[in-house]
Protein backbone atom coordinates (compact mmCIF):
# COMPACT_ATOMS: atom_id res chain seq x y z
CA MET A 1 96.61 91.94 81.12
CA LYS A 2 97.03 91.48 84.86
CA GLU A 3 94.44 92.48 87.31
CA ILE A 4 95.51 95.11 89.78
CA ASN A 5 94.20 94.58 93.38
CA MET A 6 93.88 98.23 94.42
CA THR A 7 92.95 97.26 98.09
CA LYS A 8 96.36 95.36 98.26
CA ALA A 9 98.18 98.52 96.66
CA ILE A 10 96.34 100.81 99.13
CA SER A 11 97.34 98.77 102.17
CA CYS A 12 100.88 99.18 101.33
CA MET A 13 100.92 102.79 100.29
CA PRO A 14 101.73 105.85 102.87
CA ASP A 15 98.45 107.82 103.47
CA LYS A 16 99.79 110.77 101.73
CA PHE A 17 99.92 109.00 98.42
CA ILE A 18 96.39 107.71 98.45
CA THR A 19 93.74 109.63 96.25
CA MET A 20 90.13 109.49 96.00
CA GLU A 21 90.24 108.14 92.47
CA MET A 22 92.21 105.27 94.11
CA VAL A 23 89.83 104.61 96.94
CA GLU A 24 86.88 104.65 94.44
CA LEU A 25 88.53 102.03 92.26
CA ALA A 26 89.41 100.03 95.25
CA ALA A 27 85.74 100.25 96.46
CA THR A 28 84.60 98.44 93.29
CA GLU A 29 86.50 95.43 94.36
CA HIS A 30 84.02 94.88 97.09
CA ARG A 31 86.74 93.88 99.65
CA PRO A 32 85.72 94.70 103.18
CA GLU A 33 89.13 94.65 104.51
CA LEU A 34 89.83 98.00 102.55
CA VAL A 35 88.21 99.92 105.50
CA ASN A 36 91.27 98.71 107.59
CA TYR A 37 93.48 100.60 105.29
CA LEU A 38 91.66 103.87 104.28
CA PRO A 39 92.52 107.38 105.97
CA GLU A 40 89.39 108.75 107.64
CA LYS A 41 88.82 111.46 105.24
CA TYR A 42 88.03 108.91 102.34
CA ILE A 43 85.43 106.95 104.29
CA THR A 44 82.20 108.23 102.93
CA SER A 45 78.56 106.68 102.68
CA GLU A 46 79.12 106.08 99.03
CA ILE A 47 82.58 104.53 99.55
CA LEU A 48 81.22 102.18 102.26
CA ASP A 49 78.08 101.33 100.15
CA SER A 50 80.35 100.26 97.37
CA ILE A 51 82.60 98.14 99.59
CA PHE A 52 79.72 96.33 101.16
CA LYS A 53 77.76 95.70 98.08
CA THR A 54 78.60 91.95 98.39
CA ASP A 55 77.81 89.38 100.87
CA ASP A 56 80.66 87.13 99.80
CA TYR A 57 83.58 88.12 102.13
CA GLY A 58 85.23 84.76 102.25
CA TRP A 59 88.03 84.70 104.70
CA ARG A 60 88.53 88.59 104.63
CA SER A 61 88.57 90.26 108.00
CA TRP A 62 87.70 93.98 108.75
CA GLN A 63 87.39 96.09 111.86
CA LEU A 64 84.29 97.97 112.56
CA SER A 65 86.44 100.40 114.67
CA LYS A 66 88.02 101.68 111.52
CA ILE A 67 84.91 103.05 110.60
CA PRO A 68 84.05 106.42 112.48
CA GLU A 69 80.84 105.89 114.55
CA GLU A 70 79.02 108.78 112.68
CA LYS A 71 79.64 107.02 109.38
CA ARG A 72 78.34 103.76 110.56
CA ASN A 73 74.91 102.42 109.56
CA ARG A 74 72.65 99.63 110.30
CA GLN A 75 73.58 97.57 107.36
CA ILE A 76 77.37 97.80 108.08
CA CYS A 77 76.90 96.88 111.75
CA ARG A 78 74.87 93.86 110.73
CA LYS A 79 77.40 92.64 108.41
CA ARG A 80 80.07 92.74 111.05
CA LEU A 81 78.03 91.01 113.53
CA SER A 82 76.95 88.49 110.98
CA LYS A 83 80.60 86.96 111.09
CA TYR A 84 79.82 86.05 114.78
CA ILE A 85 76.02 85.31 115.06
CA PHE A 86 73.15 84.44 112.74
CA TYR A 87 71.50 87.64 113.07
CA SER A 88 68.27 87.03 111.14
CA SER A 89 66.98 85.03 114.06
CA PHE A 90 67.31 88.05 116.39
CA SER A 91 64.51 90.59 116.21
CA LEU A 92 66.77 93.11 117.92
CA LEU A 93 69.02 93.45 114.98
CA THR A 94 66.38 93.29 112.19
């Protein structure tokens, strides 16, 4: 059986057809780029925790600006910064 990439499916879908069940399934794929395609109403702490449960992002890119400020946490911001700097050597970010 062929594996379905829900993140890719959501990226091609109009917002009005996206459901919470689809978002939950896509979040279990742990693909950070999913935040680039989610309507704001589906961005919850639980969904973000599921998306960012991995440290293996490979080449995938995601935009911190797609996550509303009130829903960001230290872990998410550190993950975004870690692409650009080695944050563990900076006491400000730990």
